[in-house]
Amino acid sequence: MKTMAATTLIKTTQDGRKLEVSGLAILLDGQLEAFDLTEVKLHPNRRKILDVDPQATHVAGRVTLTREEADRVTAAFKTAEAQILNDPKAINERFRIAMMWRARSEGIE
């Protein structure tokens, strides 16, 4: 039986896609987008990002986030981590996600 991670809506993009946190993954329109947030001030393309979205404080993959949205992602991650520590099935899900991320980084989807 597969463990279903709680899904938290972070925002809907201008083109209508949903950015959500499911477990320890950030999904855009149901597809893996990122596993972490990057502060715009630390991003190598920060000037271009701020030109496109002056309110952005973080990015999740290709999606810009405001401080409030980034805080919601962080809170959702903390909730998921707490659940993982208390549930062996959730630990297996974390390994599954890690393998999916590895495959994606190697160009296998």
N, C-alpha and C. Protein backbone atom coordinates (compact mmCIF):
# COMPACT_ATOMS: atom_id res chain seq x y z
N MET A 1 0.85 -1.18 0.00
CA MET A 1 0.00 0.00 0.00
C MET A 1 0.88 1.24 0.00
N LYS A 2 0.65 2.14 -0.92
CA LYS A 2 1.46 3.35 -1.08
C LYS A 2 1.01 4.43 -0.11
N THR A 3 1.99 5.07 0.54
CA THR A 3 1.69 6.18 1.43
C THR A 3 1.45 7.43 0.62
N MET A 4 0.35 8.09 0.87
CA MET A 4 0.05 9.33 0.16
C MET A 4 0.50 10.51 1.02
N ALA A 5 1.37 11.29 0.46
CA ALA A 5 1.85 12.47 1.17
C ALA A 5 0.80 13.57 1.07
N ALA A 6 0.71 14.36 2.12
CA ALA A 6 -0.21 15.50 2.08
C ALA A 6 0.29 16.49 1.03
N THR A 7 -0.63 17.09 0.32
CA THR A 7 -0.28 18.07 -0.71
C THR A 7 -0.70 19.45 -0.24
N THR A 8 0.22 20.40 -0.36
CA THR A 8 -0.03 21.78 0.05
C THR A 8 0.09 22.68 -1.17
N LEU A 9 -0.98 23.39 -1.49
CA LEU A 9 -0.94 24.34 -2.60
C LEU A 9 -0.15 25.57 -2.17
N ILE A 10 0.85 25.92 -2.96
CA ILE A 10 1.66 27.10 -2.67
C ILE A 10 1.15 28.29 -3.46
N LYS A 11 0.92 28.08 -4.76
CA LYS A 11 0.37 29.15 -5.59
C LYS A 11 -0.07 28.57 -6.92
N THR A 12 -0.82 29.35 -7.65
CA THR A 12 -1.18 29.03 -9.02
C THR A 12 -0.44 30.03 -9.90
N THR A 13 0.28 29.53 -10.89
CA THR A 13 1.07 30.40 -11.76
C THR A 13 0.15 31.20 -12.67
N GLN A 14 0.71 32.19 -13.33
CA GLN A 14 -0.08 33.05 -14.22
C GLN A 14 -0.75 32.26 -15.34
N ASP A 15 -0.13 31.14 -15.74
CA ASP A 15 -0.72 30.33 -16.81
C ASP A 15 -1.62 29.22 -16.27
N GLY A 16 -1.93 29.26 -14.97
CA GLY A 16 -2.91 28.34 -14.40
C GLY A 16 -2.38 27.04 -13.84
N ARG A 17 -1.07 26.85 -13.84
CA ARG A 17 -0.52 25.62 -13.27
C ARG A 17 -0.39 25.76 -11.75
N LYS A 18 -0.57 24.65 -11.04
CA LYS A 18 -0.47 24.65 -9.59
C LYS A 18 0.94 24.28 -9.15
N LEU A 19 1.49 25.09 -8.24
CA LEU A 19 2.75 24.76 -7.60
C LEU A 19 2.38 24.22 -6.22
N GLU A 20 2.75 22.97 -5.96
CA GLU A 20 2.37 22.31 -4.73
C GLU A 20 3.58 21.62 -4.10
N VAL A 21 3.49 21.42 -2.79
CA VAL A 21 4.46 20.61 -2.08
C VAL A 21 3.76 19.30 -1.74
N SER A 22 4.38 18.21 -2.12
CA SER A 22 3.89 16.88 -1.78
C SER A 22 5.05 16.12 -1.15
N GLY A 23 4.93 15.86 0.13
CA GLY A 23 6.05 15.24 0.84
C GLY A 23 7.23 16.20 0.84
N LEU A 24 8.35 15.74 0.30
CA LEU A 24 9.56 16.57 0.25
C LEU A 24 9.85 17.03 -1.17
N ALA A 25 8.82 17.05 -2.01
CA ALA A 25 8.99 17.46 -3.41
C ALA A 25 8.11 18.66 -3.72
N ILE A 26 8.63 19.53 -4.57
CA ILE A 26 7.85 20.66 -5.07
C ILE A 26 7.42 20.28 -6.48
N LEU A 27 6.12 20.28 -6.70
CA LEU A 27 5.55 19.85 -7.97
C LEU A 27 4.94 21.03 -8.70
N LEU A 28 5.14 21.08 -10.01
CA LEU A 28 4.50 22.08 -10.86
C LEU A 28 3.60 21.32 -11.81
N ASP A 29 2.31 21.54 -11.67
CA ASP A 29 1.30 20.86 -12.49
C ASP A 29 1.45 19.35 -12.37
N GLY A 30 1.76 18.88 -11.15
CA GLY A 30 1.87 17.45 -10.88
C GLY A 30 3.19 16.82 -11.24
N GLN A 31 4.13 17.59 -11.79
CA GLN A 31 5.44 17.07 -12.19
C GLN A 31 6.52 17.63 -11.28
N LEU A 32 7.51 16.81 -10.99
CA LEU A 32 8.61 17.24 -10.13
C LEU A 32 9.28 18.48 -10.66
N GLU A 33 9.38 19.50 -9.82
CA GLU A 33 10.06 20.74 -10.19
C GLU A 33 11.34 20.93 -9.38
N ALA A 34 11.29 20.63 -8.08
CA ALA A 34 12.46 20.84 -7.23
C ALA A 34 12.30 20.10 -5.91
N PHE A 35 13.41 19.97 -5.21
CA PHE A 35 13.40 19.42 -3.86
C PHE A 35 13.81 20.45 -2.82
N ASP A 36 14.16 21.64 -3.28
CA ASP A 36 14.59 22.66 -2.33
C ASP A 36 14.33 24.05 -2.91
N LEU A 37 14.54 25.03 -2.07
CA LEU A 37 14.40 26.43 -2.47
C LEU A 37 15.78 27.05 -2.56
N THR A 38 15.93 28.00 -3.46
CA THR A 38 17.16 28.77 -3.57
C THR A 38 16.81 30.23 -3.37
N GLU A 39 17.56 30.89 -2.51
CA GLU A 39 17.35 32.32 -2.33
C GLU A 39 17.79 33.05 -3.59
N VAL A 40 16.99 34.00 -4.02
CA VAL A 40 17.31 34.75 -5.23
C VAL A 40 18.66 35.44 -5.07
N LYS A 41 18.94 36.00 -3.91
CA LYS A 41 20.20 36.72 -3.72
C LYS A 41 21.42 35.84 -3.89
N LEU A 42 21.25 34.50 -3.80
CA LEU A 42 22.36 33.57 -3.98
C LEU A 42 22.37 32.92 -5.36
N HIS A 43 21.35 33.19 -6.16
CA HIS A 43 21.22 32.55 -7.46
C HIS A 43 22.11 33.26 -8.49
N PRO A 44 22.79 32.50 -9.36
CA PRO A 44 23.67 33.14 -10.35
C PRO A 44 22.92 34.05 -11.34
N ASN A 45 21.63 33.84 -11.54
CA ASN A 45 20.85 34.67 -12.46
C ASN A 45 19.92 35.62 -11.71
N ARG A 46 20.34 36.07 -10.57
CA ARG A 46 19.46 36.89 -9.72
C ARG A 46 18.95 38.15 -10.41
N ARG A 47 19.77 38.79 -11.22
CA ARG A 47 19.31 40.02 -11.89
C ARG A 47 18.18 39.73 -12.87
N LYS A 48 18.32 38.67 -13.63
CA LYS A 48 17.25 38.30 -14.58
C LYS A 48 15.98 37.90 -13.85
N ILE A 49 16.14 37.17 -12.75
CA ILE A 49 14.98 36.75 -11.96
C ILE A 49 14.24 37.96 -11.43
N LEU A 50 14.98 38.92 -10.88
CA LEU A 50 14.34 40.11 -10.33
C LEU A 50 13.77 41.02 -11.41
N ASP A 51 14.32 40.97 -12.61
CA ASP A 51 13.72 41.71 -13.73
C ASP A 51 12.34 41.14 -14.06
N VAL A 52 12.22 39.83 -14.01
CA VAL A 52 10.96 39.16 -14.33
C VAL A 52 9.97 39.29 -13.18
N ASP A 53 10.46 39.13 -11.93
CA ASP A 53 9.58 39.16 -10.76
C ASP A 53 10.29 39.90 -9.62
N PRO A 54 10.10 41.21 -9.51
CA PRO A 54 10.78 42.01 -8.48
C PRO A 54 10.43 41.60 -7.05
N GLN A 55 9.31 40.90 -6.87
CA GLN A 55 8.90 40.47 -5.52
C GLN A 55 9.53 39.14 -5.10
N ALA A 56 10.24 38.49 -6.01
CA ALA A 56 10.80 37.17 -5.73
C ALA A 56 11.89 37.22 -4.67
N THR A 57 11.80 36.32 -3.72
CA THR A 57 12.87 36.15 -2.73
C THR A 57 13.53 34.78 -2.87
N HIS A 58 12.81 33.84 -3.50
CA HIS A 58 13.29 32.47 -3.67
C HIS A 58 12.85 31.95 -5.03
N VAL A 59 13.52 30.88 -5.47
CA VAL A 59 13.08 30.14 -6.64
C VAL A 59 13.02 28.66 -6.27
N ALA A 60 12.05 27.98 -6.86
CA ALA A 60 11.92 26.53 -6.74
C ALA A 60 11.99 26.00 -8.17
N GLY A 61 13.15 25.55 -8.55
CA GLY A 61 13.33 25.17 -9.94
C GLY A 61 13.22 26.40 -10.81
N ARG A 62 12.21 26.44 -11.69
CA ARG A 62 12.01 27.57 -12.61
C ARG A 62 10.98 28.58 -12.11
N VAL A 63 10.42 28.35 -10.93
CA VAL A 63 9.31 29.16 -10.45
C VAL A 63 9.78 30.12 -9.35
N THR A 64 9.40 31.40 -9.51
CA THR A 64 9.74 32.40 -8.49
C THR A 64 8.71 32.36 -7.36
N LEU A 65 9.20 32.68 -6.16
CA LEU A 65 8.34 32.69 -4.97
C LEU A 65 8.57 33.95 -4.16
N THR A 66 7.51 34.45 -3.55
CA THR A 66 7.64 35.55 -2.61
C THR A 66 8.07 34.98 -1.26
N ARG A 67 8.37 35.85 -0.32
CA ARG A 67 8.75 35.39 1.02
C ARG A 67 7.64 34.55 1.64
N GLU A 68 6.39 34.99 1.52
CA GLU A 68 5.25 34.26 2.09
C GLU A 68 5.12 32.86 1.47
N GLU A 69 5.26 32.77 0.16
CA GLU A 69 5.17 31.47 -0.51
C GLU A 69 6.33 30.56 -0.11
N ALA A 70 7.52 31.11 0.00
CA ALA A 70 8.68 30.33 0.43
C ALA A 70 8.49 29.83 1.86
N ASP A 71 7.90 30.65 2.71
CA ASP A 71 7.62 30.22 4.09
C ASP A 71 6.62 29.06 4.11
N ARG A 72 5.63 29.09 3.22
CA ARG A 72 4.66 27.98 3.14
C ARG A 72 5.35 26.69 2.68
N VAL A 73 6.28 26.80 1.72
CA VAL A 73 7.03 25.62 1.29
C VAL A 73 7.84 25.06 2.46
N THR A 74 8.53 25.93 3.18
CA THR A 74 9.34 25.49 4.31
C THR A 74 8.49 24.82 5.37
N ALA A 75 7.34 25.39 5.67
CA ALA A 75 6.43 24.79 6.66
C ALA A 75 5.95 23.42 6.20
N ALA A 76 5.61 23.30 4.92
CA ALA A 76 5.16 22.01 4.39
C ALA A 76 6.28 20.97 4.46
N PHE A 77 7.52 21.38 4.16
CA PHE A 77 8.66 20.48 4.29
C PHE A 77 8.85 20.01 5.73
N LYS A 78 8.72 20.92 6.69
CA LYS A 78 8.89 20.55 8.10
C LYS A 78 7.82 19.55 8.54
N THR A 79 6.60 19.75 8.09
CA THR A 79 5.52 18.82 8.41
C THR A 79 5.82 17.45 7.81
N ALA A 80 6.25 17.42 6.55
CA ALA A 80 6.56 16.15 5.89
C ALA A 80 7.72 15.44 6.58
N GLU A 81 8.74 16.17 6.96
CA GLU A 81 9.89 15.56 7.65
C GLU A 81 9.47 14.95 8.98
N ALA A 82 8.62 15.63 9.71
CA ALA A 82 8.13 15.10 10.99
C ALA A 82 7.35 13.81 10.76
N GLN A 83 6.54 13.76 9.72
CA GLN A 83 5.78 12.55 9.40
C GLN A 83 6.70 11.42 8.99
N ILE A 84 7.73 11.73 8.24
CA ILE A 84 8.68 10.71 7.79
C ILE A 84 9.38 10.06 8.98
N LEU A 85 9.75 10.86 9.95
CA LEU A 85 10.46 10.33 11.11
C LEU A 85 9.58 9.40 11.94
N ASN A 86 8.27 9.49 11.77
CA ASN A 86 7.35 8.67 12.55
C ASN A 86 6.69 7.55 11.76
N ASP A 87 7.02 7.38 10.49
CA ASP A 87 6.31 6.42 9.65
C ASP A 87 7.26 5.68 8.71
N PRO A 88 7.46 4.38 8.92
CA PRO A 88 8.35 3.61 8.04
C PRO A 88 7.93 3.66 6.57
N LYS A 89 6.62 3.72 6.28
CA LYS A 89 6.16 3.80 4.90
C LYS A 89 6.60 5.14 4.29
N ALA A 90 6.59 6.18 5.09
CA ALA A 90 7.02 7.49 4.60
C ALA A 90 8.52 7.50 4.32
N ILE A 91 9.28 6.76 5.09
CA ILE A 91 10.72 6.65 4.84
C ILE A 91 10.93 6.01 3.47
N ASN A 92 10.16 4.97 3.16
CA ASN A 92 10.26 4.35 1.83
C ASN A 92 9.90 5.34 0.74
N GLU A 93 8.90 6.18 0.97
CA GLU A 93 8.53 7.19 -0.01
C GLU A 93 9.67 8.18 -0.22
N ARG A 94 10.37 8.53 0.84
CA ARG A 94 11.50 9.44 0.73
C ARG A 94 12.59 8.83 -0.15
N PHE A 95 12.86 7.54 0.04
CA PHE A 95 13.84 6.87 -0.80
C PHE A 95 13.38 6.85 -2.26
N ARG A 96 12.07 6.62 -2.49
CA ARG A 96 11.53 6.61 -3.84
C ARG A 96 11.74 7.96 -4.51
N ILE A 97 11.47 9.02 -3.77
CA ILE A 97 11.64 10.37 -4.31
C ILE A 97 13.11 10.64 -4.59
N ALA A 98 13.99 10.20 -3.70
CA ALA A 98 15.42 10.39 -3.91
C ALA A 98 15.89 9.69 -5.18
N MET A 99 15.37 8.49 -5.43
CA MET A 99 15.75 7.76 -6.64
C MET A 99 15.19 8.47 -7.88
N MET A 100 13.99 9.03 -7.77
CA MET A 100 13.41 9.77 -8.88
C MET A 100 14.27 11.00 -9.19
N TRP A 101 14.72 11.68 -8.15
CA TRP A 101 15.58 12.86 -8.32
C TRP A 101 16.91 12.46 -8.97
N ARG A 102 17.47 11.35 -8.52
CA ARG A 102 18.73 10.88 -9.10
C ARG A 102 18.55 10.57 -10.58
N ALA A 103 17.48 9.87 -10.91
CA ALA A 103 17.22 9.54 -12.31
C ALA A 103 17.04 10.81 -13.14
N ARG A 104 16.34 11.78 -12.57
CA ARG A 104 16.14 13.05 -13.30
C ARG A 104 17.47 13.75 -13.53
N SER A 105 18.34 13.75 -12.52
CA SER A 105 19.62 14.44 -12.68
C SER A 105 20.52 13.73 -13.69
N GLU A 106 20.28 12.42 -13.90
CA GLU A 106 21.04 11.66 -14.89
C GLU A 106 20.39 11.67 -16.27
N GLY A 107 19.28 12.41 -16.38
CA GLY A 107 18.61 12.52 -17.67
C GLY A 107 17.62 11.42 -17.96
N ILE A 108 17.29 10.62 -16.94
CA ILE A 108 16.31 9.55 -17.11
C ILE A 108 15.01 10.01 -16.49
N GLU A 109 13.94 10.04 -17.27
CA GLU A 109 12.64 10.46 -16.72
C GLU A 109 11.69 9.39 -16.99
